[in-house]
């Protein structure tokens, strides 16, 4: 049972989760992170570290929409093993509902 990053991460990308992950299963896109489902060991240490509360177990109803997105982009995006810079406007995006439409930047579309 892997954990899943949901749309709460979009435009926030705090990356506190990356620092505690023992298996380095996070992958980084321009606007969010995802978890590789085959690499996640279901330890759960990442979930409470996320200030945006964007990480959920795959049994959570919110994960249904985001599990396939995590799997798809974990195969494409680069692996991240260290916390990088947080977007300057991350706090402004924290808690904004329905951020899926911001998954990609204009440059990625």
PDB file of N, CA and C in Angstrom:
ATOM      1  N   UNK A   1       0.843  -1.177   0.000  1.00  0.00           N
ATOM      2  CA  UNK A   1       0.000   0.000   0.000  1.00  0.00           C
ATOM      3  C   UNK A   1       0.890   1.243   0.000  1.00  0.00           C
ATOM      4  N   UNK A   2       1.139   1.827  -1.142  1.00  0.00           N
ATOM      5  CA  UNK A   2       1.984   3.033  -1.196  1.00  0.00           C
ATOM      6  C   UNK A   2       1.203   4.284  -0.803  1.00  0.00           C
ATOM      7  N   UNK A   3       1.962   5.301  -0.510  1.00  0.00           N
ATOM      8  CA  UNK A   3       1.382   6.620  -0.271  1.00  0.00           C
ATOM      9  C   UNK A   3       1.291   7.352  -1.603  1.00  0.00           C
ATOM     10  N   UNK A   4       0.436   8.367  -1.659  1.00  0.00           N
ATOM     11  CA  UNK A   4       0.133   9.084  -2.890  1.00  0.00           C
ATOM     12  C   UNK A   4       0.181  10.585  -2.618  1.00  0.00           C
ATOM     13  N   UNK A   5       0.772  11.326  -3.532  1.00  0.00           N
ATOM     14  CA  UNK A   5       0.753  12.786  -3.449  1.00  0.00           C
ATOM     15  C   UNK A   5      -0.473  13.274  -4.221  1.00  0.00           C
ATOM     16  N   UNK A   6      -1.255  14.124  -3.584  1.00  0.00           N
ATOM     17  CA  UNK A   6      -2.473  14.652  -4.205  1.00  0.00           C
ATOM     18  C   UNK A   6      -2.265  16.097  -4.670  1.00  0.00           C
ATOM     19  N   UNK A   7      -3.322  16.701  -5.170  1.00  0.00           N
ATOM     20  CA  UNK A   7      -3.226  18.057  -5.711  1.00  0.00           C
ATOM     21  C   UNK A   7      -2.873  19.109  -4.675  1.00  0.00           C
ATOM     22  N   UNK A   8      -2.908  18.773  -3.397  1.00  0.00           N
ATOM     23  CA  UNK A   8      -2.490  19.721  -2.370  1.00  0.00           C
ATOM     24  C   UNK A   8      -1.037  20.154  -2.526  1.00  0.00           C
ATOM     25  N   UNK A   9      -0.243  19.342  -3.210  1.00  0.00           N
ATOM     26  CA  UNK A   9       1.173  19.648  -3.424  1.00  0.00           C
ATOM     27  C   UNK A   9       1.400  20.656  -4.557  1.00  0.00           C
ATOM     28  N   UNK A  10       0.454  20.741  -5.454  1.00  0.00           N
ATOM     29  CA  UNK A  10       0.629  21.581  -6.636  1.00  0.00           C
ATOM     30  C   UNK A  10       0.881  23.032  -6.228  1.00  0.00           C
ATOM     31  N   UNK A  11       1.975  23.574  -6.749  1.00  0.00           N
ATOM     32  CA  UNK A  11       2.431  24.942  -6.525  1.00  0.00           C
ATOM     33  C   UNK A  11       2.955  25.196  -5.102  1.00  0.00           C
ATOM     34  N   UNK A  12       2.884  24.201  -4.217  1.00  0.00           N
ATOM     35  CA  UNK A  12       3.460  24.345  -2.872  1.00  0.00           C
ATOM     36  C   UNK A  12       4.844  23.706  -2.851  1.00  0.00           C
ATOM     37  N   UNK A  13       4.884  22.417  -3.110  1.00  0.00           N
ATOM     38  CA  UNK A  13       6.140  21.679  -3.253  1.00  0.00           C
ATOM     39  C   UNK A  13       7.126  21.958  -2.117  1.00  0.00           C
ATOM     40  N   UNK A  14       6.661  21.780  -0.885  1.00  0.00           N
ATOM     41  CA  UNK A  14       7.505  22.065   0.281  1.00  0.00           C
ATOM     42  C   UNK A  14       8.698  21.122   0.398  1.00  0.00           C
ATOM     43  N   UNK A  15       8.538  19.871   0.059  1.00  0.00           N
ATOM     44  CA  UNK A  15       9.610  18.873   0.007  1.00  0.00           C
ATOM     45  C   UNK A  15      10.110  18.395   1.359  1.00  0.00           C
ATOM     46  N   UNK A  16       9.421  18.703   2.441  1.00  0.00           N
ATOM     47  CA  UNK A  16       9.807  18.171   3.751  1.00  0.00           C
ATOM     48  C   UNK A  16       9.758  16.646   3.728  1.00  0.00           C
ATOM     49  N   UNK A  17       8.861  16.107   2.932  1.00  0.00           N
ATOM     50  CA  UNK A  17       8.691  14.660   2.792  1.00  0.00           C
ATOM     51  C   UNK A  17       9.948  13.989   2.241  1.00  0.00           C
ATOM     52  N   UNK A  18      10.622  14.669   1.347  1.00  0.00           N
ATOM     53  CA  UNK A  18      11.816  14.120   0.698  1.00  0.00           C
ATOM     54  C   UNK A  18      12.913  13.867   1.726  1.00  0.00           C
ATOM     55  N   UNK A  19      13.030  14.759   2.681  1.00  0.00           N
ATOM     56  CA  UNK A  19      14.090  14.643   3.686  1.00  0.00           C
ATOM     57  C   UNK A  19      13.933  13.429   4.588  1.00  0.00           C
ATOM     58  N   UNK A  20      12.705  12.956   4.803  1.00  0.00           N
ATOM     59  CA  UNK A  20      12.485  11.837   5.717  1.00  0.00           C
ATOM     60  C   UNK A  20      12.303  10.495   5.024  1.00  0.00           C
ATOM     61  N   UNK A  21      12.148  10.487   3.722  1.00  0.00           N
ATOM     62  CA  UNK A  21      11.889   9.241   2.990  1.00  0.00           C
ATOM     63  C   UNK A  21      13.127   8.334   3.016  1.00  0.00           C
ATOM     64  N   UNK A  22      13.007   7.130   3.573  1.00  0.00           N
ATOM     65  CA  UNK A  22      14.166   6.241   3.662  1.00  0.00           C
ATOM     66  C   UNK A  22      14.527   5.551   2.354  1.00  0.00           C
ATOM     67  N   UNK A  23      13.627   5.599   1.362  1.00  0.00           N
ATOM     68  CA  UNK A  23      13.894   4.892   0.103  1.00  0.00           C
ATOM     69  C   UNK A  23      13.954   5.811  -1.119  1.00  0.00           C
ATOM     70  N   UNK A  24      13.924   7.110  -0.907  1.00  0.00           N
ATOM     71  CA  UNK A  24      14.045   8.074  -2.010  1.00  0.00           C
ATOM     72  C   UNK A  24      13.068   7.793  -3.144  1.00  0.00           C
ATOM     73  N   UNK A  25      11.781   7.714  -2.810  1.00  0.00           N
ATOM     74  CA  UNK A  25      10.775   7.377  -3.825  1.00  0.00           C
ATOM     75  C   UNK A  25      10.018   8.588  -4.363  1.00  0.00           C
ATOM     76  N   UNK A  26      10.527   9.800  -4.124  1.00  0.00           N
ATOM     77  CA  UNK A  26       9.870  11.009  -4.625  1.00  0.00           C
ATOM     78  C   UNK A  26      10.476  11.447  -5.950  1.00  0.00           C
ATOM     79  N   UNK A  27       9.613  11.928  -6.819  1.00  0.00           N
ATOM     80  CA  UNK A  27      10.007  12.414  -8.140  1.00  0.00           C
ATOM     81  C   UNK A  27       9.428  13.810  -8.307  1.00  0.00           C
ATOM     82  N   UNK A  28      10.185  14.679  -9.000  1.00  0.00           N
ATOM     83  CA  UNK A  28       9.831  16.092  -9.033  1.00  0.00           C
ATOM     84  C   UNK A  28       9.478  16.585 -10.428  1.00  0.00           C
ATOM     85  N   UNK A  29       8.283  17.181 -10.510  1.00  0.00           N
ATOM     86  CA  UNK A  29       7.886  17.913 -11.697  1.00  0.00           C
ATOM     87  C   UNK A  29       8.019  19.392 -11.415  1.00  0.00           C
ATOM     88  N   UNK A  30       7.694  20.200 -12.376  1.00  0.00           N
ATOM     89  CA  UNK A  30       7.839  21.642 -12.180  1.00  0.00           C
ATOM     90  C   UNK A  30       6.909  22.180 -11.094  1.00  0.00           C
ATOM     91  N   UNK A  31       5.711  21.601 -10.980  1.00  0.00           N
ATOM     92  CA  UNK A  31       4.737  22.151 -10.045  1.00  0.00           C
ATOM     93  C   UNK A  31       4.427  21.276  -8.833  1.00  0.00           C
ATOM     94  N   UNK A  32       4.871  20.013  -8.826  1.00  0.00           N
ATOM     95  CA  UNK A  32       4.560  19.136  -7.700  1.00  0.00           C
ATOM     96  C   UNK A  32       5.516  17.953  -7.643  1.00  0.00           C
ATOM     97  N   UNK A  33       5.400  17.192  -6.577  1.00  0.00           N
ATOM     98  CA  UNK A  33       6.132  15.943  -6.421  1.00  0.00           C
ATOM     99  C   UNK A  33       5.151  14.783  -6.571  1.00  0.00           C
ATOM    100  N   UNK A  34       5.673  13.603  -6.887  1.00  0.00           N
ATOM    101  CA  UNK A  34       4.882  12.379  -6.896  1.00  0.00           C
ATOM    102  C   UNK A  34       5.695  11.282  -6.216  1.00  0.00           C
ATOM    103  N   UNK A  35       5.015  10.227  -5.812  1.00  0.00           N
ATOM    104  CA  UNK A  35       5.644   9.067  -5.186  1.00  0.00           C
ATOM    105  C   UNK A  35       5.584   7.899  -6.160  1.00  0.00           C
ATOM    106  N   UNK A  36       6.710   7.219  -6.326  1.00  0.00           N
ATOM    107  CA  UNK A  36       6.746   6.035  -7.184  1.00  0.00           C
ATOM    108  C   UNK A  36       6.106   4.878  -6.410  1.00  0.00           C
ATOM    109  N   UNK A  37       4.997   4.323  -6.903  1.00  0.00           N
ATOM    110  CA  UNK A  37       4.275   3.304  -6.136  1.00  0.00           C
ATOM    111  C   UNK A  37       5.056   2.005  -5.937  1.00  0.00           C
ATOM    112  N   UNK A  38       5.964   1.688  -6.831  1.00  0.00           N
ATOM    113  CA  UNK A  38       6.739   0.452  -6.692  1.00  0.00           C
ATOM    114  C   UNK A  38       7.946   0.615  -5.776  1.00  0.00           C
ATOM    115  N   UNK A  39       8.276   1.857  -5.435  1.00  0.00           N
ATOM    116  CA  UNK A  39       9.420   2.116  -4.563  1.00  0.00           C
ATOM    117  C   UNK A  39       9.003   2.449  -3.135  1.00  0.00           C
ATOM    118  N   UNK A  40       7.796   2.942  -2.957  1.00  0.00           N
ATOM    119  CA  UNK A  40       7.295   3.300  -1.629  1.00  0.00           C
ATOM    120  C   UNK A  40       7.143   2.028  -0.788  1.00  0.00           C
ATOM    121  N   UNK A  41       7.668   2.067   0.433  1.00  0.00           N
ATOM    122  CA  UNK A  41       7.589   0.906   1.318  1.00  0.00           C
ATOM    123  C   UNK A  41       6.486   1.051   2.360  1.00  0.00           C
ATOM    124  N   UNK A  42       5.635   2.036   2.205  1.00  0.00           N
ATOM    125  CA  UNK A  42       4.485   2.239   3.068  1.00  0.00           C
ATOM    126  C   UNK A  42       4.875   2.474   4.529  1.00  0.00           C
ATOM    127  N   UNK A  43       5.975   3.166   4.734  1.00  0.00           N
ATOM    128  CA  UNK A  43       6.401   3.430   6.114  1.00  0.00           C
ATOM    129  C   UNK A  43       5.596   4.570   6.735  1.00  0.00           C
ATOM    130  N   UNK A  44       5.096   5.474   5.898  1.00  0.00           N
ATOM    131  CA  UNK A  44       4.242   6.557   6.377  1.00  0.00           C
ATOM    132  C   UNK A  44       4.939   7.751   6.989  1.00  0.00           C
ATOM    133  N   UNK A  45       6.261   7.782   6.991  1.00  0.00           N
ATOM    134  CA  UNK A  45       6.939   8.910   7.635  1.00  0.00           C
ATOM    135  C   UNK A  45       6.751  10.218   6.872  1.00  0.00           C
ATOM    136  N   UNK A  46       6.453  10.144   5.607  1.00  0.00           N
ATOM    137  CA  UNK A  46       6.286  11.356   4.798  1.00  0.00           C
ATOM    138  C   UNK A  46       4.973  12.087   5.081  1.00  0.00           C
ATOM    139  N   UNK A  47       3.931  11.345   5.367  1.00  0.00           N
ATOM    140  CA  UNK A  47       2.597  11.936   5.498  1.00  0.00           C
ATOM    141  C   UNK A  47       2.533  13.067   6.529  1.00  0.00           C
ATOM    142  N   UNK A  48       2.995  12.869   7.766  1.00  0.00           N
ATOM    143  CA  UNK A  48       2.899  13.968   8.734  1.00  0.00           C
ATOM    144  C   UNK A  48       3.874  15.114   8.483  1.00  0.00           C
ATOM    145  N   UNK A  49       4.846  14.914   7.616  1.00  0.00           N
ATOM    146  CA  UNK A  49       5.835  15.956   7.334  1.00  0.00           C
ATOM    147  C   UNK A  49       5.347  16.980   6.322  1.00  0.00           C
ATOM    148  N   UNK A  50       4.284  16.667   5.602  1.00  0.00           N
ATOM    149  CA  UNK A  50       3.800  17.544   4.529  1.00  0.00           C
ATOM    150  C   UNK A  50       2.974  18.698   5.098  1.00  0.00           C
ATOM    151  N   UNK A  51       3.488  19.930   5.021  1.00  0.00           N
ATOM    152  CA  UNK A  51       2.736  21.087   5.526  1.00  0.00           C
ATOM    153  C   UNK A  51       1.421  21.317   4.775  1.00  0.00           C
ATOM    154  N   UNK A  52       1.345  20.860   3.535  1.00  0.00           N
ATOM    155  CA  UNK A  52       0.139  21.059   2.736  1.00  0.00           C
ATOM    156  C   UNK A  52      -0.866  19.916   2.895  1.00  0.00           C
ATOM    157  N   UNK A  53      -0.503  18.903   3.702  1.00  0.00           N
ATOM    158  CA  UNK A  53      -1.348  17.728   3.902  1.00  0.00           C
ATOM    159  C   UNK A  53      -1.739  17.096   2.567  1.00  0.00           C
ATOM    160  N   UNK A  54      -0.772  17.014   1.672  1.00  0.00           N
ATOM    161  CA  UNK A  54      -1.011  16.518   0.318  1.00  0.00           C
ATOM    162  C   UNK A  54      -0.711  15.033   0.147  1.00  0.00           C
ATOM    163  N   UNK A  55      -0.185  14.374   1.170  1.00  0.00           N
ATOM    164  CA  UNK A  55       0.184  12.966   1.058  1.00  0.00           C
ATOM    165  C   UNK A  55      -0.814  12.122   1.833  1.00  0.00           C
ATOM    166  N   UNK A  56      -1.344  11.099   1.151  1.00  0.00           N
ATOM    167  CA  UNK A  56      -2.339  10.219   1.762  1.00  0.00           C
ATOM    168  C   UNK A  56      -2.005   8.767   1.424  1.00  0.00           C
ATOM    169  N   UNK A  57      -2.466   7.818   2.267  1.00  0.00           N
ATOM    170  CA  UNK A  57      -2.294   6.411   1.901  1.00  0.00           C
ATOM    171  C   UNK A  57      -3.199   6.086   0.717  1.00  0.00           C
ATOM    172  N   UNK A  58      -2.841   5.056  -0.037  1.00  0.00           N
ATOM    173  CA  UNK A  58      -3.648   4.759  -1.224  1.00  0.00           C
ATOM    174  C   UNK A  58      -5.040   4.230  -0.889  1.00  0.00           C
ATOM    175  N   UNK A  59      -5.337   4.007   0.371  1.00  0.00           N
ATOM    176  CA  UNK A  59      -6.677   3.596   0.786  1.00  0.00           C
ATOM    177  C   UNK A  59      -7.593   4.799   1.023  1.00  0.00           C
ATOM    178  N   UNK A  60      -7.029   5.987   1.046  1.00  0.00           N
ATOM    179  CA  UNK A  60      -7.804   7.211   1.237  1.00  0.00           C
ATOM    180  C   UNK A  60      -8.573   7.495  -0.053  1.00  0.00           C
ATOM    181  N   UNK A  61      -9.829   7.889   0.026  1.00  0.00           N
ATOM    182  CA  UNK A  61     -10.605   8.169  -1.191  1.00  0.00           C
ATOM    183  C   UNK A  61      -9.959   9.201  -2.121  1.00  0.00           C
ATOM    184  N   UNK A  62      -9.213  10.152  -1.566  1.00  0.00           N
ATOM    185  CA  UNK A  62      -8.554  11.157  -2.399  1.00  0.00           C
ATOM    186  C   UNK A  62      -7.463  10.548  -3.277  1.00  0.00           C
ATOM    187  N   UNK A  63      -6.957   9.407  -2.875  1.00  0.00           N
ATOM    188  CA  UNK A  63      -5.863   8.766  -3.624  1.00  0.00           C
ATOM    189  C   UNK A  63      -6.333   8.153  -4.940  1.00  0.00           C
ATOM    190  N   UNK A  64      -7.597   7.829  -5.042  1.00  0.00           N
ATOM    191  CA  UNK A  64      -8.101   7.160  -6.254  1.00  0.00           C
ATOM    192  C   UNK A  64      -7.772   7.956  -7.511  1.00  0.00           C
ATOM    193  N   UNK A  65      -7.983   9.233  -7.486  1.00  0.00           N
ATOM    194  CA  UNK A  65      -7.710  10.106  -8.641  1.00  0.00           C
ATOM    195  C   UNK A  65      -6.214  10.284  -8.854  1.00  0.00           C
ATOM    196  N   UNK A  66      -5.424  10.331  -7.772  1.00  0.00           N
ATOM    197  CA  UNK A  66      -4.026  10.719  -7.858  1.00  0.00           C
ATOM    198  C   UNK A  66      -3.041   9.566  -7.956  1.00  0.00           C
ATOM    199  N   UNK A  67      -3.434   8.351  -7.613  1.00  0.00           N
ATOM    200  CA  UNK A  67      -2.516   7.205  -7.704  1.00  0.00           C
ATOM    201  C   UNK A  67      -2.021   6.980  -9.137  1.00  0.00           C
ATOM    202  N   UNK A  68      -2.895   7.006 -10.146  1.00  0.00           N
ATOM    203  CA  UNK A  68      -2.400   6.830 -11.516  1.00  0.00           C
ATOM    204  C   UNK A  68      -1.495   7.979 -11.972  1.00  0.00           C
ATOM    205  N   UNK A  69      -1.761   9.168 -11.500  1.00  0.00           N
ATOM    206  CA  UNK A  69      -0.924  10.327 -11.852  1.00  0.00           C
ATOM    207  C   UNK A  69       0.454  10.168 -11.232  1.00  0.00           C
ATOM    208  N   UNK A  70       0.510   9.725  -9.979  1.00  0.00           N
ATOM    209  CA  UNK A  70       1.800   9.474  -9.333  1.00  0.00           C
ATOM    210  C   UNK A  70       2.583   8.425 -10.108  1.00  0.00           C
ATOM    211  N   UNK A  71       1.943   7.328 -10.464  1.00  0.00           N
ATOM    212  CA  UNK A  71       2.635   6.256 -11.192  1.00  0.00           C
ATOM    213  C   UNK A  71       3.136   6.734 -12.550  1.00  0.00           C
ATOM    214  N   UNK A  72       2.297   7.466 -13.260  1.00  0.00           N
ATOM    215  CA  UNK A  72       2.669   7.938 -14.599  1.00  0.00           C
ATOM    216  C   UNK A  72       3.879   8.871 -14.557  1.00  0.00           C
ATOM    217  N   UNK A  73       3.833   9.853 -13.684  1.00  0.00           N
ATOM    218  CA  UNK A  73       4.889  10.864 -13.692  1.00  0.00           C
ATOM    219  C   UNK A  73       6.148  10.434 -12.937  1.00  0.00           C
ATOM    220  N   UNK A  74       6.022   9.474 -12.032  1.00  0.00           N
ATOM    221  CA  UNK A  74       7.220   8.937 -11.385  1.00  0.00           C
ATOM    222  C   UNK A  74       8.106   8.220 -12.406  1.00  0.00           C
ATOM    223  N   UNK A  75       7.496   7.743 -13.479  1.00  0.00           N
ATOM    224  CA  UNK A  75       8.253   7.070 -14.541  1.00  0.00           C
ATOM    225  C   UNK A  75       8.907   8.066 -15.495  1.00  0.00           C
ATOM    226  N   UNK A  76       8.508   9.342 -15.421  1.00  0.00           N
ATOM    227  CA  UNK A  76       8.989  10.354 -16.367  1.00  0.00           C
ATOM    228  C   UNK A  76       9.869  11.407 -15.693  1.00  0.00           C
ATOM    229  N   UNK A  77       9.444  11.869 -14.532  1.00  0.00           N
ATOM    230  CA  UNK A  77      10.134  12.956 -13.850  1.00  0.00           C
ATOM    231  C   UNK A  77      11.389  12.458 -13.139  1.00  0.00           C
ATOM    232  N   UNK A  78      12.340  13.337 -12.871  1.00  0.00           N
ATOM    233  CA  UNK A  78      13.575  12.919 -12.183  1.00  0.00           C
ATOM    234  C   UNK A  78      13.362  12.657 -10.693  1.00  0.00           C
ATOM    235  N   UNK A  79      14.111  11.701 -10.198  1.00  0.00           N
ATOM    236  CA  UNK A  79      14.099  11.368  -8.775  1.00  0.00           C
ATOM    237  C   UNK A  79      14.704  12.521  -7.983  1.00  0.00           C
ATOM    238  N   UNK A  80      14.154  12.773  -6.813  1.00  0.00           N
ATOM    239  CA  UNK A  80      14.671  13.823  -5.936  1.00  0.00           C
ATOM    240  C   UNK A  80      15.008  13.184  -4.593  1.00  0.00           C
ATOM    241  N   UNK A  81      16.222  13.424  -4.120  1.00  0.00           N
ATOM    242  CA  UNK A  81      16.666  12.804  -2.872  1.00  0.00           C
ATOM    243  C   UNK A  81      16.993  13.823  -1.780  1.00  0.00           C
ATOM    244  N   UNK A  82      17.030  15.079  -2.133  1.00  0.00           N
ATOM    245  CA  UNK A  82      17.297  16.141  -1.169  1.00  0.00           C
ATOM    246  C   UNK A  82      16.274  17.252  -1.347  1.00  0.00           C
ATOM    247  N   UNK A  83      15.978  17.920  -0.255  1.00  0.00           N
ATOM    248  CA  UNK A  83      15.045  19.041  -0.315  1.00  0.00           C
ATOM    249  C   UNK A  83      15.679  20.172  -1.105  1.00  0.00           C
ATOM    250  N   UNK A  84      14.938  20.673  -2.067  1.00  0.00           N
ATOM    251  CA  UNK A  84      15.403  21.789  -2.874  1.00  0.00           C
ATOM    252  C   UNK A  84      14.678  23.060  -2.482  1.00  0.00           C
ATOM    253  N   UNK A  85      14.823  24.104  -3.273  1.00  0.00           N
ATOM    254  CA  UNK A  85      14.154  25.361  -2.955  1.00  0.00           C
ATOM    255  C   UNK A  85      12.633  25.241  -3.062  1.00  0.00           C
ATOM    256  N   UNK A  86      11.968  25.870  -2.133  1.00  0.00           N
ATOM    257  CA  UNK A  86      10.509  25.903  -2.114  1.00  0.00           C
ATOM    258  C   UNK A  86      10.067  27.125  -2.910  1.00  0.00           C
ATOM    259  N   UNK A  87       9.007  27.003  -3.700  1.00  0.00           N
ATOM    260  CA  UNK A  87       8.537  28.176  -4.443  1.00  0.00           C
ATOM    261  C   UNK A  87       8.256  29.358  -3.506  1.00  0.00           C
ATOM    262  N   UNK A  88       8.578  30.535  -3.949  1.00  0.00           N
ATOM    263  CA  UNK A  88       8.386  31.745  -3.139  1.00  0.00           C
ATOM    264  C   UNK A  88       6.934  31.941  -2.712  1.00  0.00           C
ATOM    265  N   UNK A  89       6.005  31.502  -3.550  1.00  0.00           N
ATOM    266  CA  UNK A  89       4.589  31.690  -3.250  1.00  0.00           C
ATOM    267  C   UNK A  89       3.917  30.423  -2.708  1.00  0.00           C
ATOM    268  N   UNK A  90       4.693  29.480  -2.188  1.00  0.00           N
ATOM    269  CA  UNK A  90       4.141  28.214  -1.694  1.00  0.00           C
ATOM    270  C   UNK A  90       3.066  28.428  -0.633  1.00  0.00           C
ATOM    271  N   UNK A  91       3.315  29.310   0.305  1.00  0.00           N
ATOM    272  CA  UNK A  91       2.335  29.534   1.372  1.00  0.00           C
ATOM    273  C   UNK A  91       1.026  30.100   0.835  1.00  0.00           C
ATOM    274  N   UNK A  92       1.097  30.877  -0.221  1.00  0.00           N
ATOM    275  CA  UNK A  92      -0.123  31.434  -0.822  1.00  0.00           C
ATOM    276  C   UNK A  92      -0.960  30.338  -1.487  1.00  0.00           C
ATOM    277  N   UNK A  93      -0.305  29.281  -1.964  1.00  0.00           N
ATOM    278  CA  UNK A  93      -1.002  28.181  -2.629  1.00  0.00           C
ATOM    279  C   UNK A  93      -1.483  27.115  -1.650  1.00  0.00           C
ATOM    280  N   UNK A  94      -0.937  27.103  -0.447  1.00  0.00           N
ATOM    281  CA  UNK A  94      -1.301  26.094   0.547  1.00  0.00           C
ATOM    282  C   UNK A  94      -2.783  26.213   0.876  1.00  0.00           C
ATOM    283  N   UNK A  95      -3.496  25.110   0.738  1.00  0.00           N
ATOM    284  CA  UNK A  95      -4.912  25.084   1.064  1.00  0.00           C
ATOM    285  C   UNK A  95      -5.850  25.524  -0.045  1.00  0.00           C
ATOM    286  N   UNK A  96      -5.309  25.952  -1.174  1.00  0.00           N
ATOM    287  CA  UNK A  96      -6.166  26.334  -2.300  1.00  0.00           C
ATOM    288  C   UNK A  96      -6.836  25.060  -2.833  1.00  0.00           C
ATOM    289  N   UNK A  97      -8.156  25.041  -2.969  1.00  0.00           N
ATOM    290  CA  UNK A  97      -8.834  23.831  -3.445  1.00  0.00           C
ATOM    291  C   UNK A  97      -8.722  23.655  -4.961  1.00  0.00           C
ATOM    292  N   UNK A  98      -8.917  22.431  -5.385  1.00  0.00           N
ATOM    293  CA  UNK A  98      -9.015  22.096  -6.819  1.00  0.00           C
ATOM    294  C   UNK A  98      -7.856  22.644  -7.643  1.00  0.00           C
ATOM    295  N   UNK A  99      -6.646  22.286  -7.261  1.00  0.00           N
ATOM    296  CA  UNK A  99      -5.472  22.808  -7.959  1.00  0.00           C
ATOM    297  C   UNK A  99      -5.042  21.968  -9.151  1.00  0.00           C
ATOM    298  N   UNK A 100      -5.790  20.947  -9.504  1.00  0.00           N
ATOM    299  CA  UNK A 100      -5.389  20.067 -10.604  1.00  0.00           C
ATOM    300  C   UNK A 100      -5.137  20.836 -11.904  1.00  0.00           C
ATOM    301  N   UNK A 101      -5.888  21.875 -12.138  1.00  0.00           N
ATOM    302  CA  UNK A 101      -5.714  22.642 -13.377  1.00  0.00           C
ATOM    303  C   UNK A 101      -4.355  23.346 -13.440  1.00  0.00           C
ATOM    304  N   UNK A 102      -3.645  23.391 -12.313  1.00  0.00           N
ATOM    305  CA  UNK A 102      -2.322  24.011 -12.263  1.00  0.00           C
ATOM    306  C   UNK A 102      -1.190  22.980 -12.241  1.00  0.00           C
ATOM    307  N   UNK A 103      -1.520  21.735 -12.585  1.00  0.00           N
ATOM    308  CA  UNK A 103      -0.528  20.663 -12.559  1.00  0.00           C
ATOM    309  C   UNK A 103       0.649  20.961 -13.467  1.00  0.00           C
ATOM    310  N   UNK A 104       0.379  21.578 -14.605  1.00  0.00           N
ATOM    311  CA  UNK A 104       1.448  21.898 -15.547  1.00  0.00           C
ATOM    312  C   UNK A 104       1.569  23.397 -15.714  1.00  0.00           C
ATOM    313  N   UNK A 105       2.795  23.844 -15.880  1.00  0.00           N
ATOM    314  CA  UNK A 105       3.009  25.255 -16.150  1.00  0.00           C
ATOM    315  C   UNK A 105       2.720  25.517 -17.623  1.00  0.00           C
ATOM    316  N   UNK A 106       2.665  26.773 -18.007  1.00  0.00           N
ATOM    317  CA  UNK A 106       2.424  27.136 -19.407  1.00  0.00           C
ATOM    318  C   UNK A 106       3.499  26.542 -20.309  1.00  0.00           C
ATOM    319  N   UNK A 107       4.734  26.449 -19.799  1.00  0.00           N
ATOM    320  CA  UNK A 107       5.842  25.922 -20.596  1.00  0.00           C
ATOM    321  C   UNK A 107       5.700  24.426 -20.864  1.00  0.00           C
ATOM    322  N   UNK A 108       5.032  23.707 -19.955  1.00  0.00           N
ATOM    323  CA  UNK A 108       4.878  22.267 -20.086  1.00  0.00           C
ATOM    324  C   UNK A 108       3.692  21.881 -20.970  1.00  0.00           C
ATOM    325  N   UNK A 109       2.779  22.794 -21.197  1.00  0.00           N
ATOM    326  CA  UNK A 109       1.546  22.461 -21.929  1.00  0.00           C
ATOM    327  C   UNK A 109       1.786  22.452 -23.425  1.00  0.00           C
TER     328      UNK A 109
END
